[in-house]
Amino acid sequence: MQNKIIKAGIIQQHNTADITDNRNRLSEKIKTLAQQGAELVVLQELHDCMYFCQTEDVGTFDLATTIPGEVTDFYSQIAATCHTVLVTSLFERRQPGLYHNTAVVFEKDGSIAGTYRKMHIPDDPGYYEKFYFAPGDIGFEPIQTSIGKLGVMVCWDQWYPEGARIMALKGAELLIYPTAIGYDANDSREEQQRQREAWITIQRSHAVANGVPVISVNRTGFEPHPDNPAQGIQFWGSSFVAGPQGEYLCQCSQEKEETAIVDIDIDRSETVRRWWPYLRDRRIDAYSDILQRCIDKTRHN
């Protein structure tokens, strides 16, 4: 029996304030990857625009789009034209005053296969996402596509093993993380590299712990702070694909725009899980404490 191989394309891009230009460049890269055989293409987080969460500005809500809407029509047409499954990341306007950071997955015919609303929302200097996004309310549900079940999550979700585990337990064959993360210019070079390595390590650990491949696509380039152009975020790129033992199948540079196609052997997960049966040996009878915010041993009931 032949193994199930998915040809996955990733796009690591530097964005500018010109949304039309960003979309057009993505469109051309998607088409090129499809011509090279990609049947799945994954884009970075909030790929249409600059990473606007560096500041809190109510005018920025004008960037949001309904789903479905004009923006999803744009990517739907690309997916259908290229006959590829496409993972996008959009600023969703759900209703007046309610917005989400939402991944939309398009099927090869351009239809929407499913959506995922970012569950974990950060609120840190330069990443003021709680101002813009309500936490997701769909949960951790894999999205069924013609190439398999995709466990799509978004950026800050990638630090949490619980989401990865739930996706895997529900049958996700791939874990996918569109991302926007970079360096704080005030940190030392050593601290910056520790953060980048931690980001890579935690996601590779999701592959190992669950026996599934991981695709992580980050943006690259410097994006200035709107109020102080000398400050901003240097996005660290480093997009990668890992196999079910955490092994690198592809790793991009830190500072360059790049595209890549990676052959992912989906059936290898079955073999790896037979060798390392972590799911079999889970002590589900002993994990109830994980549902607590804090386990205070001094508390008296």
Protein backbone atom coordinates (compact mmCIF):
# COMPACT_ATOMS: atom_id res chain seq x y z
CA MET A 1 0.00 0.00 0.00
CA GLN A 2 1.34 3.41 -0.96
CA ASN A 3 1.67 6.00 1.78
CA LYS A 4 -0.54 9.07 1.73
CA ILE A 5 1.68 12.00 0.77
CA ILE A 6 0.45 15.60 0.97
CA LYS A 7 2.37 18.26 -0.94
CA ALA A 8 2.13 21.27 1.37
CA GLY A 9 3.12 24.79 0.36
CA ILE A 10 4.05 27.53 2.83
CA ILE A 11 4.43 31.27 2.24
CA GLN A 12 6.58 33.43 4.53
CA GLN A 13 6.04 37.05 3.49
CA HIS A 14 7.00 40.58 4.55
CA ASN A 15 3.93 42.80 4.54
CA THR A 16 3.53 46.51 3.85
CA ALA A 17 0.72 48.99 4.44
CA ASP A 18 -0.54 48.34 0.89
CA ILE A 19 -3.20 45.65 1.38
CA THR A 20 -3.83 45.22 -2.35
CA ASP A 21 -0.13 44.64 -2.96
CA ASN A 22 0.07 42.12 -0.11
CA ARG A 23 -2.88 40.18 -1.53
CA ASN A 24 -1.57 40.27 -5.07
CA ARG A 25 1.84 39.00 -4.02
CA LEU A 26 0.22 36.20 -2.04
CA SER A 27 -1.98 35.34 -5.00
CA GLU A 28 1.01 35.00 -7.33
CA LYS A 29 2.90 32.86 -4.81
CA ILE A 30 -0.10 30.58 -4.27
CA LYS A 31 -0.42 30.11 -8.02
CA THR A 32 3.29 29.33 -8.34
CA LEU A 33 3.15 26.76 -5.54
CA ALA A 34 0.07 25.16 -7.09
CA GLN A 35 1.86 24.92 -10.44
CA GLN A 36 4.66 23.13 -8.60
CA GLY A 37 2.20 20.58 -7.25
CA ALA A 38 1.07 21.97 -3.90
CA GLU A 39 -2.35 20.64 -2.90
CA LEU A 40 -2.31 22.53 0.40
CA VAL A 41 -1.06 26.11 0.91
CA VAL A 42 -0.76 27.76 4.33
CA LEU A 43 -0.51 31.54 4.83
CA GLN A 44 0.72 33.50 7.86
CA GLU A 45 -1.45 35.15 10.51
CA LEU A 46 -3.38 38.29 9.39
CA HIS A 47 -1.61 38.09 6.06
CA ASP A 48 -3.51 40.85 4.27
CA CYS A 49 -2.13 43.78 6.24
CA MET A 50 0.48 45.00 8.68
CA TYR A 51 0.30 43.53 12.17
CA PHE A 52 -1.98 46.25 13.55
CA CYS A 53 -2.05 45.05 17.18
CA GLN A 54 1.04 47.06 18.10
CA THR A 55 -1.37 49.82 19.16
CA GLU A 56 -4.99 50.19 20.27
CA ASP A 57 -6.90 52.20 17.66
CA VAL A 58 -10.66 51.97 17.15
CA GLY A 59 -10.25 53.03 13.52
CA THR A 60 -8.46 49.75 12.84
CA PHE A 61 -11.74 47.86 13.14
CA ASP A 62 -12.50 49.15 9.64
CA LEU A 63 -10.04 46.52 8.37
CA ALA A 64 -12.30 43.67 9.50
CA THR A 65 -14.29 41.58 7.05
CA THR A 66 -17.43 39.51 7.24
CA ILE A 67 -17.23 35.77 6.61
CA PRO A 68 -18.35 35.15 3.95
CA GLY A 69 -17.70 38.44 2.22
CA GLU A 70 -15.60 40.23 -0.37
CA VAL A 71 -12.28 39.06 1.10
CA THR A 72 -13.30 35.41 1.35
CA ASP A 73 -14.56 35.66 -2.24
CA PHE A 74 -11.04 36.75 -3.27
CA TYR A 75 -9.35 33.77 -1.66
CA SER A 76 -12.13 31.40 -2.68
CA GLN A 77 -11.45 32.23 -6.30
CA ILE A 78 -7.72 31.64 -5.85
CA ALA A 79 -8.31 28.25 -4.21
CA ALA A 80 -10.67 27.21 -6.98
CA THR A 81 -8.40 28.47 -9.76
CA CYS A 82 -5.37 26.72 -8.27
CA HIS A 83 -7.36 23.66 -7.20
CA THR A 84 -5.67 23.68 -3.80
CA VAL A 85 -6.78 23.61 -0.17
CA LEU A 86 -5.95 27.06 1.21
CA VAL A 87 -5.51 28.06 4.87
CA THR A 88 -6.03 31.79 5.40
CA SER A 89 -6.07 34.08 8.45
CA LEU A 90 -8.53 36.98 8.55
CA PHE A 91 -9.78 39.76 10.86
CA GLU A 92 -13.42 38.73 11.19
CA ARG A 93 -16.27 41.18 11.76
CA ARG A 94 -18.92 38.94 13.26
CA GLN A 95 -21.35 41.74 14.10
CA PRO A 96 -21.00 45.37 15.21
CA GLY A 97 -18.59 45.48 18.12
CA LEU A 98 -17.69 41.77 17.95
CA TYR A 99 -14.53 40.71 16.14
CA HIS A 100 -12.37 37.59 15.97
CA ASN A 101 -8.98 36.48 14.70
CA THR A 102 -10.22 33.75 12.39
CA ALA A 103 -8.64 31.13 10.17
CA VAL A 104 -10.71 30.25 7.11
CA VAL A 105 -9.96 27.04 5.21
CA PHE A 106 -11.00 26.82 1.56
CA GLU A 107 -11.58 23.56 -0.29
CA LYS A 108 -10.12 22.92 -3.74
CA ASP A 109 -13.38 24.03 -5.35
CA GLY A 110 -13.30 27.36 -3.51
CA SER A 111 -15.97 26.50 -0.95
CA ILE A 112 -15.34 27.22 2.72
CA ALA A 113 -14.41 23.91 4.36
CA GLY A 114 -14.45 25.39 7.84
CA THR A 115 -13.30 28.14 10.18
CA TYR A 116 -11.40 28.38 13.45
CA ARG A 117 -11.51 31.36 15.81
CA LYS A 118 -8.33 31.97 17.78
CA MET A 119 -8.90 30.70 21.32
CA HIS A 120 -5.97 32.16 23.26
CA ILE A 121 -5.74 35.95 22.93
CA PRO A 122 -2.53 37.68 24.11
CA ASP A 123 -2.25 41.12 25.66
CA ASP A 124 1.38 42.14 25.86
CA PRO A 125 3.41 45.20 24.79
CA GLY A 126 3.24 45.28 20.99
CA TYR A 127 0.62 42.52 20.92
CA TYR A 128 -2.58 44.18 22.17
CA GLU A 129 -4.90 41.58 20.70
CA LYS A 130 -7.48 41.60 23.49
CA PHE A 131 -8.43 45.11 22.36
CA TYR A 132 -9.41 43.73 18.94
CA PHE A 133 -10.40 40.08 19.26
CA ALA A 134 -12.96 38.20 21.34
CA PRO A 135 -11.80 34.70 22.28
CA GLY A 136 -12.93 31.97 19.93
CA ASP A 137 -16.12 30.09 20.71
CA ILE A 138 -15.94 27.27 18.15
CA GLY A 139 -13.51 25.21 20.21
CA PHE A 140 -10.75 22.93 18.96
CA GLU A 141 -12.46 21.23 16.04
CA PRO A 142 -10.47 19.76 13.12
CA ILE A 143 -11.61 20.87 9.68
CA GLN A 144 -12.37 18.08 7.22
CA THR A 145 -10.97 18.67 3.73
CA SER A 146 -10.37 16.58 0.63
CA ILE A 147 -6.74 16.05 1.71
CA GLY A 148 -7.52 15.12 5.31
CA LYS A 149 -8.46 16.53 8.71
CA LEU A 150 -6.63 19.77 9.51
CA GLY A 151 -6.13 20.91 13.10
CA VAL A 152 -5.89 24.64 12.43
CA MET A 153 -5.06 27.01 15.29
CA VAL A 154 -3.55 30.51 15.33
CA CYS A 155 -0.29 31.95 16.76
CA TRP A 156 -0.65 32.30 20.57
CA ASP A 157 -2.54 28.97 20.53
CA GLN A 158 0.76 27.33 19.60
CA TRP A 159 2.12 27.70 23.16
CA TYR A 160 -0.65 25.56 24.68
CA PRO A 161 -0.37 21.75 24.58
CA GLU A 162 -4.05 21.35 25.47
CA GLY A 163 -5.31 22.62 22.11
CA ALA A 164 -2.87 20.46 20.15
CA ARG A 165 -3.85 17.40 22.17
CA ILE A 166 -7.57 17.94 21.72
CA MET A 167 -7.14 18.42 17.96
CA ALA A 168 -5.13 15.19 17.78
CA LEU A 169 -7.66 13.25 19.87
CA LYS A 170 -10.39 14.43 17.50
CA GLY A 171 -8.52 13.00 14.53
CA ALA A 172 -6.47 15.91 13.15
CA GLU A 173 -3.86 14.57 10.73
CA LEU A 174 -1.93 17.86 10.64
CA LEU A 175 -1.52 20.69 13.16
CA ILE A 176 -1.33 24.07 11.41
CA TYR A 177 -0.41 27.42 12.97
CA PRO A 178 -0.58 30.69 10.99
CA THR A 179 1.64 33.04 13.04
CA ALA A 180 2.82 36.61 13.59
CA ILE A 181 5.60 36.77 16.18
CA GLY A 182 8.89 38.58 16.42
CA TYR A 183 11.55 40.25 18.54
CA ASP A 184 11.24 43.06 21.04
CA ALA A 185 14.02 45.47 20.09
CA ASN A 186 14.72 46.13 23.78
CA ASP A 187 15.68 42.51 24.46
CA SER A 188 19.26 41.35 24.18
CA ARG A 189 20.33 39.29 21.19
CA GLU A 190 20.67 36.28 23.49
CA GLU A 191 17.16 36.72 24.87
CA GLN A 192 15.73 37.15 21.38
CA GLN A 193 17.23 33.85 20.27
CA ARG A 194 16.01 32.08 23.42
CA GLN A 195 12.48 33.22 22.59
CA ARG A 196 12.71 32.09 18.98
CA GLU A 197 14.10 28.70 19.99
CA ALA A 198 11.36 28.30 22.61
CA TRP A 199 8.76 29.05 19.94
CA ILE A 200 10.19 26.36 17.67
CA THR A 201 10.65 23.85 20.48
CA ILE A 202 7.11 24.07 21.84
CA GLN A 203 5.61 23.41 18.43
CA ARG A 204 7.95 20.54 17.65
CA SER A 205 6.93 19.10 21.02
CA HIS A 206 3.28 19.10 19.87
CA ALA A 207 4.36 16.95 16.92
CA VAL A 208 6.23 14.56 19.22
CA ALA A 209 3.58 14.34 21.95
CA ASN A 210 0.77 13.70 19.47
CA GLY A 211 2.58 11.86 16.69
CA VAL A 212 1.40 14.26 13.97
CA PRO A 213 3.15 16.68 11.60
CA VAL A 214 3.12 20.42 12.38
CA ILE A 215 3.10 23.33 9.92
CA SER A 216 3.97 26.75 11.34
CA VAL A 217 4.03 29.79 9.02
CA ASN A 218 5.31 33.10 10.40
CA ARG A 219 5.71 36.50 8.78
CA THR A 220 9.11 38.13 8.34
CA GLY A 221 10.55 41.64 8.06
CA PHE A 222 10.39 44.76 10.20
CA GLU A 223 7.06 46.51 10.81
CA PRO A 224 7.41 49.94 12.46
CA HIS A 225 5.31 51.09 15.39
CA PRO A 226 2.62 53.49 14.07
CA ASP A 227 3.42 56.12 16.71
CA ASN A 228 7.20 55.70 16.70
CA PRO A 229 8.62 54.37 13.41
CA ALA A 230 12.01 53.80 15.03
CA GLN A 231 10.34 51.17 17.20
CA GLY A 232 8.40 48.15 16.03
CA ILE A 233 8.58 44.40 15.60
CA GLN A 234 11.20 42.45 13.69
CA PHE A 235 9.27 39.33 12.79
CA TRP A 236 11.59 36.35 13.00
CA GLY A 237 10.32 34.25 10.11
CA SER A 238 11.68 30.74 10.75
CA SER A 239 8.56 29.09 9.30
CA PHE A 240 8.92 25.32 9.40
CA VAL A 241 7.34 21.94 8.90
CA ALA A 242 8.03 19.13 11.38
CA GLY A 243 7.25 15.45 11.09
CA PRO A 244 5.52 13.32 13.75
CA GLN A 245 8.75 12.88 15.72
CA GLY A 246 9.52 16.59 15.62
CA GLU A 247 12.03 16.13 12.83
CA TYR A 248 12.49 19.07 10.48
CA LEU A 249 11.02 18.56 7.02
CA CYS A 250 11.57 22.21 6.13
CA GLN A 251 12.89 25.33 7.88
CA CYS A 252 12.89 28.85 6.44
CA SER A 253 15.29 31.68 7.19
CA GLN A 254 14.66 34.41 9.75
CA GLU A 255 14.78 37.49 7.53
CA LYS A 256 13.85 36.55 3.96
CA GLU A 257 10.58 36.07 2.15
CA GLU A 258 10.36 32.42 1.18
CA THR A 259 8.07 29.80 -0.26
CA ALA A 260 8.52 26.07 -0.03
CA ILE A 261 6.80 22.81 -0.90
CA VAL A 262 7.15 19.92 1.52
CA ASP A 263 6.13 16.29 1.06
CA ILE A 264 4.35 15.21 4.25
CA ASP A 265 3.84 11.47 4.78
CA ILE A 266 0.55 11.37 6.65
CA ASP A 267 0.62 7.60 7.14
CA ARG A 268 3.92 7.87 9.00
CA SER A 269 1.93 9.08 12.01
CA GLU A 270 0.40 5.61 12.34
CA THR A 271 3.85 4.01 12.40
CA VAL A 272 5.22 6.50 14.92
CA ARG A 273 2.22 6.08 17.22
CA ARG A 274 2.76 2.31 17.21
CA TRP A 275 6.37 2.84 18.30
CA TRP A 276 5.55 5.55 20.84
CA PRO A 277 1.98 4.93 22.08
CA TYR A 278 1.55 8.08 24.14
CA LEU A 279 -2.17 8.21 23.45
CA ARG A 280 -2.61 4.62 24.64
CA ASP A 281 -0.81 5.25 27.93
CA ARG A 282 -2.53 8.49 28.91
CA ARG A 283 -3.91 8.35 32.46
CA ILE A 284 -7.20 10.07 31.74
CA ASP A 285 -8.45 8.99 35.16
CA ALA A 286 -5.82 11.22 36.82
CA TYR A 287 -6.01 14.42 34.79
CA SER A 288 -9.03 16.21 36.27
CA ASP A 289 -6.80 18.84 37.91
CA ILE A 290 -5.89 20.19 34.49
CA LEU A 291 -9.28 21.92 34.44
CA GLN A 292 -8.29 24.12 37.40
CA ARG A 293 -6.93 27.63 36.86
CA CYS A 294 -4.60 27.14 39.83
CA ILE A 295 -4.06 24.18 42.12
CA ASP A 296 -3.71 25.63 45.60
CA LYS A 297 -2.63 22.91 47.98
CA THR A 298 -3.23 25.13 51.01
CA ARG A 299 -6.91 25.65 50.20
CA HIS A 300 -9.41 24.04 52.55
CA ASN A 301 -12.66 22.80 51.02
